[in-house]
Amino acid sequence: MSTSIPKVGFVSLGCPKAGSDAERILTQLRAEGYEISGSYGEADLVVVNTCGFIDSAVEESLEAIGEAIAKNGKVIVTGCLGAKSGVVQAAHPSVLAVTGPHALEEVMTAVHAHLPKPHDPYTDLVPPQGIRLTPSHYAYLKISEGCNHRCSFCIIPSMRGDLVSRPIGEVLNEAENLVNAGVSEILVISQDTSAYGVDVKYRPGFWNGRPVKTRMTELCKSLSELGVWVRLHYVYPYPHVDEVIPLMADGLILPYLDVPFQHASPRILKAMKRPASSENNLARINAWREICPDITIRSTFITGFPGETEADFLQLLDFLEEAQLDRVGCFAYSAVDGAAANALPNQVPESLKQERLARFMEVQERISAAKLLSKIGTIQTVLVDEIVEDEDGNFEAIGRTQADAPEIDGVVYLEDAEGLNPGDFVEVKIVDADGHDLWGGPPGA
């Protein structure tokens, strides 16, 4: 072991919620005086933060653990795969320790056992916003952990437990620290953002000396005071979600909702055990657009769920045509180990799942392309994410409109971007579009 400052390598896989866990671990490591190493060779041990939601994610996580063992030898595993009893140990018996997700204390205990922390740690080496994995101009704000639902295709509650809302004062203080550190966009995440505060009966907390209810609406109102983009993810379509739409119409938070509808057939939604499965989602979408015509609605869907008939699937396609959603992701049903849906009758053949997925995406790509083409000639506020210089010394900016979340939605390409920096807001005239992205120029173009 090195006699200098101990160094920890870190590998993080999975969704933004797993990334938020990783940031907390990294922040604690730095607070205690550990250095974070960018290479296996220089690290004294490696922490691998895993994903275990679907089979491909399990394989990717096991491969990452194997690579860390081969290149370093001392590996601690955390994250969702660690919650699957014995899976990691069976594949890699030499790992030093295995924990589940959101297990900061357990991870640090394992690190301390195998790499004692330095003497005289300097906590002021850590900025108030902590250590982050995202670019400096946007950040994910995790407001709760776990989920109270038992959707039949999902194993998240078995890995992450029931809903536990973070104290609202703690959440808002973290958001304020992020903004003070230069963040231009906050992305609110959880397993179920709409349910924030249900577990504590919406009890008030305190922020800046005043009481604030632990509830999504009050959270959004408070975040709107920070003067940055606020984007909501994983919002189930409960009736009280209607309360945040006027905030969007008034420009207080971004007019953007990420709503995981998953299907449109009531029979399939019931088999999925989806919350709000009986809601008239088309009526709700139309009502949202009445209040906030500029709202962007993104969603995800599953094709080939057990028992899905051609009639069910056609009902889903009809929903797509009527809903005219702005951004959509779709997945063929995957039999996740431990999910209740695996035992349902009338499993759909893999070839039919994929054929329906292709038909679904053909419809949605046509809708998305038309929506983007309609933006040509409009002026859009764009948040710059990246500046790229080509071999001739010309600068291009890559950014996003308020309708685009990082990594999952489209981007805007802007030429002649010299002088711009990541985190800048710039007014852009849209001059071209394809099925996913936009191209822009100066407003006077």
Protein backbone atom coordinates (compact mmCIF):
# COMPACT_ATOMS: atom_id res chain seq x y z
CA MET A 1 0.00 0.00 0.00
CA SER A 2 1.19 3.49 -0.76
CA THR A 3 2.60 5.45 2.20
CA SER A 4 1.34 8.72 0.72
CA ILE A 5 -2.27 9.89 0.74
CA PRO A 6 -4.47 6.83 0.10
CA LYS A 7 -6.16 6.80 -3.29
CA VAL A 8 -9.52 5.30 -4.21
CA GLY A 9 -10.57 4.50 -7.76
CA PHE A 10 -14.26 4.83 -8.56
CA VAL A 11 -16.44 3.31 -11.29
CA SER A 12 -20.13 4.28 -11.45
CA LEU A 13 -22.74 2.61 -13.65
CA GLY A 14 -26.49 2.96 -14.00
CA CYS A 15 -29.11 5.70 -13.75
CA PRO A 16 -28.88 9.25 -12.35
CA LYS A 17 -30.14 7.95 -8.99
CA ALA A 18 -27.12 5.64 -8.82
CA GLY A 19 -24.97 8.58 -9.88
CA SER A 20 -26.35 10.59 -6.97
CA ASP A 21 -25.33 7.77 -4.59
CA ALA A 22 -21.87 7.84 -6.16
CA GLU A 23 -21.53 11.59 -5.62
CA ARG A 24 -22.30 11.18 -1.92
CA ILE A 25 -19.66 8.47 -1.53
CA LEU A 26 -17.08 10.52 -3.43
CA THR A 27 -17.87 13.58 -1.31
CA GLN A 28 -17.36 11.59 1.90
CA LEU A 29 -14.11 10.09 0.63
CA ARG A 30 -12.73 13.54 -0.16
CA ALA A 31 -14.04 14.95 3.14
CA GLU A 32 -12.01 12.31 4.99
CA GLY A 33 -8.87 13.12 3.03
CA TYR A 34 -8.78 10.31 0.47
CA GLU A 35 -7.71 11.15 -3.06
CA ILE A 36 -9.79 9.98 -6.01
CA SER A 37 -7.68 8.19 -8.60
CA GLY A 38 -8.44 8.20 -12.31
CA SER A 39 -6.65 4.93 -12.99
CA TYR A 40 -6.72 1.39 -11.64
CA GLY A 41 -2.94 1.27 -11.40
CA GLU A 42 -2.55 4.26 -9.09
CA ALA A 43 -5.51 3.41 -6.84
CA ASP A 44 -5.03 1.57 -3.54
CA LEU A 45 -8.50 0.08 -3.96
CA VAL A 46 -11.48 0.52 -6.27
CA VAL A 47 -15.18 1.07 -5.50
CA VAL A 48 -17.58 -0.14 -8.22
CA ASN A 49 -21.10 1.32 -8.07
CA THR A 50 -23.31 -1.15 -9.94
CA CYS A 51 -26.68 -1.36 -11.68
CA GLY A 52 -28.82 -4.49 -11.47
CA PHE A 53 -32.17 -3.58 -12.98
CA ILE A 54 -32.13 -5.64 -16.21
CA ASP A 55 -29.99 -8.54 -17.42
CA SER A 56 -27.77 -6.41 -19.68
CA ALA A 57 -27.04 -4.06 -16.76
CA VAL A 58 -26.13 -7.03 -14.54
CA GLU A 59 -23.70 -8.28 -17.20
CA GLU A 60 -22.15 -4.84 -17.60
CA SER A 61 -21.72 -4.49 -13.85
CA LEU A 62 -20.13 -7.94 -13.45
CA GLU A 63 -17.75 -7.14 -16.31
CA ALA A 64 -16.79 -3.85 -14.65
CA ILE A 65 -16.11 -5.63 -11.36
CA GLY A 66 -14.01 -8.23 -13.19
CA GLU A 67 -11.98 -5.52 -14.93
CA ALA A 68 -11.35 -3.73 -11.64
CA ILE A 69 -10.22 -6.99 -10.01
CA ALA A 70 -7.93 -7.82 -12.94
CA LYS A 71 -6.33 -4.36 -13.03
CA ASN A 72 -6.27 -3.52 -9.32
CA GLY A 73 -7.20 -6.55 -7.22
CA LYS A 74 -8.85 -4.74 -4.28
CA VAL A 75 -12.51 -4.06 -5.03
CA ILE A 76 -15.52 -2.95 -2.99
CA VAL A 77 -18.92 -3.32 -4.67
CA THR A 78 -21.96 -1.17 -3.97
CA GLY A 79 -25.22 -0.31 -5.76
CA CYS A 80 -28.28 -2.17 -6.96
CA LEU A 81 -26.52 -5.37 -8.04
CA GLY A 82 -25.17 -5.70 -4.51
CA ALA A 83 -28.75 -6.03 -3.27
CA LYS A 84 -29.17 -9.26 -5.25
CA SER A 85 -28.04 -11.78 -2.70
CA GLY A 86 -24.92 -13.71 -3.66
CA VAL A 87 -24.77 -12.65 -7.32
CA VAL A 88 -21.57 -10.62 -7.02
CA GLN A 89 -19.86 -13.08 -4.67
CA ALA A 90 -20.68 -16.03 -6.94
CA ALA A 91 -19.12 -14.34 -9.97
CA HIS A 92 -16.24 -12.63 -8.13
CA PRO A 93 -15.52 -14.27 -4.76
CA SER A 94 -12.42 -12.13 -4.22
CA VAL A 95 -14.29 -8.84 -3.74
CA LEU A 96 -13.54 -7.22 -0.39
CA ALA A 97 -17.11 -6.21 0.44
CA VAL A 98 -20.57 -5.95 -1.13
CA THR A 99 -23.31 -3.48 -0.19
CA GLY A 100 -26.64 -2.50 -1.71
CA PRO A 101 -27.62 0.97 -2.98
CA HIS A 102 -27.64 4.21 -0.92
CA ALA A 103 -25.23 2.58 1.53
CA LEU A 104 -22.80 5.40 2.29
CA GLU A 105 -21.98 4.27 5.83
CA GLU A 106 -21.47 0.62 4.81
CA VAL A 107 -19.18 1.60 1.93
CA MET A 108 -17.10 3.88 4.13
CA THR A 109 -16.83 1.15 6.80
CA ALA A 110 -15.47 -1.21 4.14
CA VAL A 111 -13.04 1.44 2.85
CA HIS A 112 -11.81 2.12 6.39
CA ALA A 113 -11.28 -1.61 6.99
CA HIS A 114 -9.14 -2.12 3.90
CA LEU A 115 -7.60 1.34 3.46
CA PRO A 116 -7.39 3.27 6.74
CA LYS A 117 -8.31 6.89 6.37
CA PRO A 118 -5.57 9.54 6.45
CA HIS A 119 -4.62 11.39 9.60
CA ASP A 120 -5.86 14.97 10.06
CA PRO A 121 -8.44 15.12 7.28
CA TYR A 122 -9.22 18.58 5.91
CA THR A 123 -12.95 18.83 5.36
CA ASP A 124 -12.57 22.30 3.88
CA LEU A 125 -11.01 20.62 0.82
CA VAL A 126 -14.57 19.69 -0.14
CA PRO A 127 -16.75 22.44 -1.62
CA PRO A 128 -20.24 22.90 -0.12
CA GLN A 129 -21.86 21.34 -3.19
CA GLY A 130 -19.81 18.14 -2.73
CA ILE A 131 -18.08 16.06 -5.40
CA ARG A 132 -20.11 15.69 -8.58
CA LEU A 133 -19.98 13.43 -11.63
CA THR A 134 -22.02 15.73 -13.89
CA PRO A 135 -20.64 18.78 -15.72
CA SER A 136 -20.31 21.87 -13.55
CA HIS A 137 -23.36 23.62 -15.02
CA TYR A 138 -26.09 21.06 -14.26
CA ALA A 139 -26.75 18.67 -11.40
CA TYR A 140 -29.16 15.94 -10.33
CA LEU A 141 -31.02 16.57 -7.07
CA LYS A 142 -32.26 13.33 -5.51
CA ILE A 143 -35.24 14.07 -3.26
CA SER A 144 -36.10 10.56 -2.03
CA GLU A 145 -35.01 6.96 -2.06
CA GLY A 146 -37.01 3.79 -2.68
CA CYS A 147 -40.58 3.28 -3.86
CA ASN A 148 -43.90 2.17 -2.35
CA HIS A 149 -45.25 0.68 -5.59
CA ARG A 150 -44.95 -2.95 -6.58
CA CYS A 151 -45.04 -2.81 -10.37
CA SER A 152 -44.87 -6.37 -11.58
CA PHE A 153 -41.97 -5.77 -14.00
CA CYS A 154 -39.79 -3.93 -11.48
CA ILE A 155 -37.44 -5.05 -8.69
CA ILE A 156 -36.39 -1.59 -7.48
CA PRO A 157 -38.28 -1.83 -4.13
CA SER A 158 -36.47 -5.08 -3.34
CA MET A 159 -33.14 -3.36 -4.01
CA ARG A 160 -33.78 0.17 -2.74
CA GLY A 161 -36.61 -0.37 -0.25
CA ASP A 162 -39.79 1.62 0.37
CA LEU A 163 -40.09 5.37 -0.12
CA VAL A 164 -37.93 7.49 2.19
CA SER A 165 -38.20 11.22 1.48
CA ARG A 166 -35.20 13.40 2.26
CA PRO A 167 -35.92 16.31 4.64
CA ILE A 168 -36.99 19.24 2.52
CA GLY A 169 -34.64 21.66 4.27
CA GLU A 170 -31.70 19.38 3.45
CA VAL A 171 -32.82 19.10 -0.19
CA LEU A 172 -33.22 22.87 -0.60
CA ASN A 173 -29.91 23.61 1.10
CA GLU A 174 -28.20 21.23 -1.31
CA ALA A 175 -29.90 22.93 -4.25
CA GLU A 176 -28.84 26.35 -2.98
CA ASN A 177 -25.23 25.20 -2.62
CA LEU A 178 -25.30 23.86 -6.18
CA VAL A 179 -26.57 27.17 -7.55
CA ASN A 180 -23.97 29.10 -5.55
CA ALA A 181 -21.33 26.85 -7.15
CA GLY A 182 -22.47 27.85 -10.64
CA VAL A 183 -25.09 25.26 -11.58
CA SER A 184 -27.52 26.55 -14.23
CA GLU A 185 -29.94 23.61 -14.23
CA ILE A 186 -31.25 21.33 -11.47
CA LEU A 187 -32.78 17.99 -12.46
CA VAL A 188 -35.09 16.64 -9.76
CA ILE A 189 -34.94 12.83 -9.53
CA SER A 190 -36.30 9.99 -7.40
CA GLN A 191 -38.09 6.71 -7.99
CA ASP A 192 -41.44 8.52 -7.74
CA THR A 193 -41.18 12.31 -7.60
CA SER A 194 -44.96 12.73 -7.27
CA ALA A 195 -44.92 10.78 -3.99
CA TYR A 196 -42.38 13.05 -2.30
CA GLY A 197 -43.38 13.48 1.34
CA VAL A 198 -46.09 10.80 1.43
CA ASP A 199 -44.07 8.74 3.92
CA VAL A 200 -43.79 11.68 6.35
CA LYS A 201 -47.39 12.86 5.78
CA TYR A 202 -46.06 16.03 4.08
CA ARG A 203 -44.78 17.38 7.39
CA PRO A 204 -43.09 20.79 7.19
CA GLY A 205 -39.36 21.29 7.31
CA PHE A 206 -37.47 24.57 7.46
CA TRP A 207 -35.46 26.42 4.82
CA ASN A 208 -33.99 29.88 5.33
CA GLY A 209 -35.96 30.22 8.53
CA ARG A 210 -39.40 29.51 7.12
CA PRO A 211 -41.56 26.36 7.11
CA VAL A 212 -41.92 24.44 3.83
CA LYS A 213 -44.11 21.36 3.36
CA THR A 214 -42.35 18.14 2.32
CA ARG A 215 -44.39 17.94 -0.88
CA MET A 216 -43.69 18.20 -4.61
CA THR A 217 -45.63 21.42 -5.20
CA GLU A 218 -43.98 23.30 -2.33
CA LEU A 219 -40.59 21.89 -3.31
CA CYS A 220 -41.01 23.22 -6.87
CA LYS A 221 -42.12 26.65 -5.63
CA SER A 222 -39.05 26.89 -3.41
CA LEU A 223 -36.65 25.69 -6.11
CA SER A 224 -38.10 28.30 -8.48
CA GLU A 225 -36.69 31.01 -6.19
CA LEU A 226 -33.13 29.97 -7.04
CA GLY A 227 -33.24 31.48 -10.54
CA VAL A 228 -32.10 28.42 -12.51
CA TRP A 229 -33.75 25.86 -14.76
CA VAL A 230 -35.63 23.26 -12.69
CA ARG A 231 -36.58 20.04 -14.52
CA LEU A 232 -38.83 17.29 -13.12
CA HIS A 233 -38.17 13.60 -13.79
CA TYR A 234 -40.10 10.39 -12.91
CA VAL A 235 -43.43 12.10 -12.26
CA TYR A 236 -46.36 9.69 -11.93
CA PRO A 237 -49.61 11.19 -13.27
CA TYR A 238 -51.48 11.56 -10.00
CA PRO A 239 -54.15 14.29 -9.86
CA HIS A 240 -52.04 16.54 -7.61
CA VAL A 241 -49.42 16.81 -10.38
CA ASP A 242 -51.86 19.30 -11.94
CA GLU A 243 -50.73 21.79 -9.25
CA VAL A 244 -47.24 22.22 -10.75
CA ILE A 245 -48.44 22.97 -14.29
CA PRO A 246 -49.33 26.62 -13.49
CA LEU A 247 -45.78 27.03 -12.13
CA MET A 248 -44.56 25.95 -15.56
CA ALA A 249 -46.98 28.30 -17.35
CA ASP A 250 -45.65 31.17 -15.23
CA GLY A 251 -42.02 30.35 -16.08
CA LEU A 252 -41.10 29.40 -12.52
CA ILE A 253 -39.93 25.89 -13.41
CA LEU A 254 -39.29 24.36 -16.83
CA PRO A 255 -42.41 23.32 -18.77
CA TYR A 256 -41.16 19.74 -18.91
CA LEU A 257 -42.60 16.57 -17.41
CA ASP A 258 -41.00 13.13 -17.54
CA VAL A 259 -44.00 10.82 -16.97
CA PRO A 260 -43.45 7.03 -17.22
CA PHE A 261 -46.81 5.95 -18.70
CA GLN A 262 -45.43 2.48 -19.74
CA HIS A 263 -48.59 1.46 -21.67
CA ALA A 264 -52.07 2.59 -22.67
CA SER A 265 -54.13 -0.60 -22.43
CA PRO A 266 -56.00 -0.64 -19.09
CA ARG A 267 -55.73 -4.43 -19.04
CA ILE A 268 -51.94 -4.36 -19.43
CA LEU A 269 -51.53 -1.47 -16.97
CA LYS A 270 -53.49 -3.49 -14.40
CA ALA A 271 -51.24 -6.52 -15.03
CA MET A 272 -48.25 -4.22 -14.61
CA LYS A 273 -49.74 -3.01 -11.29
CA ARG A 274 -49.01 0.53 -12.34
CA PRO A 275 -49.99 3.36 -9.99
CA ALA A 276 -52.57 5.72 -11.51
CA SER A 277 -53.39 2.99 -14.03
CA SER A 278 -57.06 3.96 -13.98
CA GLU A 279 -56.39 7.62 -14.72
CA ASN A 280 -57.55 9.04 -18.05
CA ASN A 281 -54.09 10.08 -19.15
CA LEU A 282 -55.18 11.58 -22.48
CA ALA A 283 -57.60 13.89 -20.68
CA ARG A 284 -54.88 14.84 -18.20
CA ILE A 285 -52.36 15.57 -20.99
CA ASN A 286 -54.92 17.77 -22.78
CA ALA A 287 -55.64 19.61 -19.53
CA TRP A 288 -51.93 20.24 -18.95
CA ARG A 289 -51.60 21.67 -22.46
CA GLU A 290 -54.60 23.91 -21.89
CA ILE A 291 -52.81 25.47 -18.91
CA CYS A 292 -49.29 25.40 -20.39
CA PRO A 293 -49.29 25.13 -24.22
CA ASP A 294 -45.47 24.98 -24.33
CA ILE A 295 -45.20 21.95 -22.05
CA THR A 296 -42.86 19.16 -23.19
CA ILE A 297 -43.98 15.68 -22.18
CA ARG A 298 -41.52 12.79 -22.26
CA SER A 299 -42.39 9.21 -21.41
CA THR A 300 -41.26 5.60 -21.58
CA PHE A 301 -43.18 2.51 -22.68
CA ILE A 302 -42.81 -1.26 -22.75
CA THR A 303 -43.79 -3.50 -25.66
CA GLY A 304 -44.33 -7.24 -25.38
CA PHE A 305 -45.36 -7.31 -21.73
CA PRO A 306 -46.71 -10.77 -20.80
CA GLY A 307 -50.25 -11.14 -22.09
CA GLU A 308 -50.04 -8.19 -24.50
CA THR A 309 -52.29 -8.96 -27.48
CA GLU A 310 -52.31 -7.27 -30.85
CA ALA A 311 -55.41 -5.37 -29.70
CA ASP A 312 -53.55 -4.11 -26.62
CA PHE A 313 -50.64 -3.03 -28.77
CA LEU A 314 -52.88 -1.23 -31.27
CA GLN A 315 -54.44 0.61 -28.32
CA LEU A 316 -50.93 1.76 -27.40
CA LEU A 317 -50.29 3.00 -30.95
CA ASP A 318 -53.62 4.86 -30.91
CA PHE A 319 -52.58 6.51 -27.65
CA LEU A 320 -49.33 7.64 -29.25
CA GLU A 321 -51.17 9.19 -32.19
CA GLU A 322 -53.59 11.03 -29.90
CA ALA A 323 -51.16 12.05 -27.17
CA GLN A 324 -48.53 13.45 -29.57
CA LEU A 325 -45.83 13.17 -26.91
CA ASP A 326 -42.67 15.17 -27.50
CA ARG A 327 -40.01 12.72 -26.39
CA VAL A 328 -40.47 8.96 -26.01
CA GLY A 329 -38.34 5.95 -25.12
CA CYS A 330 -39.47 2.38 -25.55
CA PHE A 331 -38.12 -1.00 -24.47
CA ALA A 332 -39.05 -4.56 -25.29
CA TYR A 333 -40.08 -6.33 -22.08
CA SER A 334 -37.13 -7.94 -20.32
CA ALA A 335 -37.68 -10.74 -17.82
CA VAL A 336 -35.75 -9.23 -14.91
CA ASP A 337 -34.67 -11.84 -12.38
CA GLY A 338 -37.00 -11.60 -9.39
CA ALA A 339 -39.81 -9.65 -11.09
CA ALA A 340 -43.36 -10.88 -10.47
CA ALA A 341 -44.24 -10.48 -14.16
CA ASN A 342 -42.01 -13.43 -15.03
CA ALA A 343 -44.69 -15.77 -13.67
CA LEU A 344 -47.54 -14.25 -15.70
CA PRO A 345 -49.12 -16.40 -18.41
CA ASN A 346 -48.96 -15.79 -22.17
CA GLN A 347 -45.37 -14.59 -22.41
CA VAL A 348 -44.78 -12.79 -25.72
CA PRO A 349 -42.15 -14.33 -28.05
CA GLU A 350 -38.97 -12.28 -28.32
CA SER A 351 -39.35 -11.82 -32.07
CA LEU A 352 -42.84 -10.35 -31.58
CA LYS A 353 -41.60 -8.03 -28.81
CA GLN A 354 -38.96 -6.65 -31.16
CA GLU A 355 -41.37 -6.38 -34.08
CA ARG A 356 -43.80 -4.36 -31.94
CA LEU A 357 -40.93 -2.22 -30.66
CA ALA A 358 -39.98 -1.37 -34.25
CA ARG A 359 -43.59 -0.53 -35.16
CA PHE A 360 -43.90 1.64 -32.03
CA MET A 361 -40.73 3.59 -32.79
CA GLU A 362 -41.75 4.11 -36.41
CA VAL A 363 -44.91 5.88 -35.25
CA GLN A 364 -43.14 7.93 -32.57
CA GLU A 365 -40.24 8.94 -34.82
CA ARG A 366 -42.74 10.39 -37.29
CA ILE A 367 -44.41 12.35 -34.48
CA SER A 368 -41.09 13.56 -33.05
CA ALA A 369 -39.77 14.62 -36.46
CA ALA A 370 -42.90 16.67 -37.15
CA LYS A 371 -42.68 18.37 -33.76
CA LEU A 372 -39.04 19.31 -34.31
CA LEU A 373 -39.69 20.57 -37.85
CA SER A 374 -42.33 22.89 -36.43
CA LYS A 375 -39.59 24.61 -34.39
CA ILE A 376 -37.72 25.81 -37.49
CA GLY A 377 -37.84 29.61 -37.54
CA THR A 378 -38.52 29.91 -33.80
CA ILE A 379 -36.23 31.58 -31.26
CA GLN A 380 -35.17 29.21 -28.47
CA THR A 381 -33.17 29.74 -25.29
CA VAL A 382 -30.35 27.19 -25.35
CA LEU A 383 -28.17 26.07 -22.44
CA VAL A 384 -24.66 25.35 -23.74
CA ASP A 385 -23.35 21.95 -22.67
CA GLU A 386 -20.15 21.62 -24.67
CA ILE A 387 -17.83 23.56 -26.99
CA VAL A 388 -16.08 21.60 -29.76
CA GLU A 389 -13.23 22.91 -31.91
CA ASP A 390 -12.73 21.34 -35.34
CA GLU A 391 -9.41 20.85 -37.13
CA ASP A 392 -9.77 24.24 -38.85
CA GLY A 393 -10.09 26.07 -35.55
CA ASN A 394 -13.83 26.69 -35.83
CA PHE A 395 -15.94 26.42 -32.68
CA GLU A 396 -19.30 24.63 -32.45
CA ALA A 397 -21.57 24.69 -29.42
CA ILE A 398 -23.72 21.72 -28.41
CA GLY A 399 -26.59 22.65 -26.14
CA ARG A 400 -30.19 21.98 -25.20
CA THR A 401 -33.49 23.82 -25.22
CA GLN A 402 -35.83 23.73 -22.24
CA ALA A 403 -37.51 20.76 -23.99
CA ASP A 404 -34.39 18.60 -23.75
CA ALA A 405 -32.97 16.82 -20.71
CA PRO A 406 -29.28 15.86 -20.84
CA GLU A 407 -28.33 12.45 -22.27
CA ILE A 408 -31.89 11.26 -22.95
CA ASP A 409 -33.31 13.92 -25.28
CA GLY A 410 -31.99 15.78 -28.31
CA VAL A 411 -29.45 18.59 -28.66
CA VAL A 412 -29.01 21.85 -30.57
CA TYR A 413 -25.91 22.36 -32.74
CA LEU A 414 -24.73 25.96 -33.06
CA GLU A 415 -21.90 27.07 -35.33
CA ASP A 416 -19.67 30.13 -34.81
CA ALA A 417 -19.66 29.55 -31.07
CA GLU A 418 -16.39 31.28 -30.23
CA GLY A 419 -16.69 33.06 -26.89
CA LEU A 420 -19.40 30.77 -25.53
CA ASN A 421 -18.80 28.48 -22.54
CA PRO A 422 -20.62 25.51 -21.00
CA GLY A 423 -23.35 26.82 -18.72
CA ASP A 424 -24.08 29.90 -20.85
CA PHE A 425 -27.63 30.65 -21.95
CA VAL A 426 -27.91 31.93 -25.51
CA GLU A 427 -30.82 32.93 -27.76
CA VAL A 428 -30.83 30.83 -30.93
CA LYS A 429 -32.89 30.84 -34.12
CA ILE A 430 -33.66 27.28 -35.20
CA VAL A 431 -32.75 26.80 -38.87
CA ASP A 432 -32.92 23.02 -39.38
CA ALA A 433 -34.10 19.80 -37.72
CA ASP A 434 -34.09 16.04 -38.11
CA GLY A 435 -35.94 13.35 -36.17
CA HIS A 436 -34.02 14.00 -32.98
CA ASP A 437 -31.88 17.16 -33.00
CA LEU A 438 -31.95 20.84 -34.00
CA TRP A 439 -29.52 23.22 -35.69
CA GLY A 440 -29.41 26.90 -34.85
CA GLY A 441 -27.89 30.25 -35.66
CA PRO A 442 -27.95 33.81 -34.31
CA PRO A 443 -31.46 35.26 -33.82
CA GLY A 444 -30.89 37.66 -36.72
CA ALA A 445 -30.00 34.88 -39.17
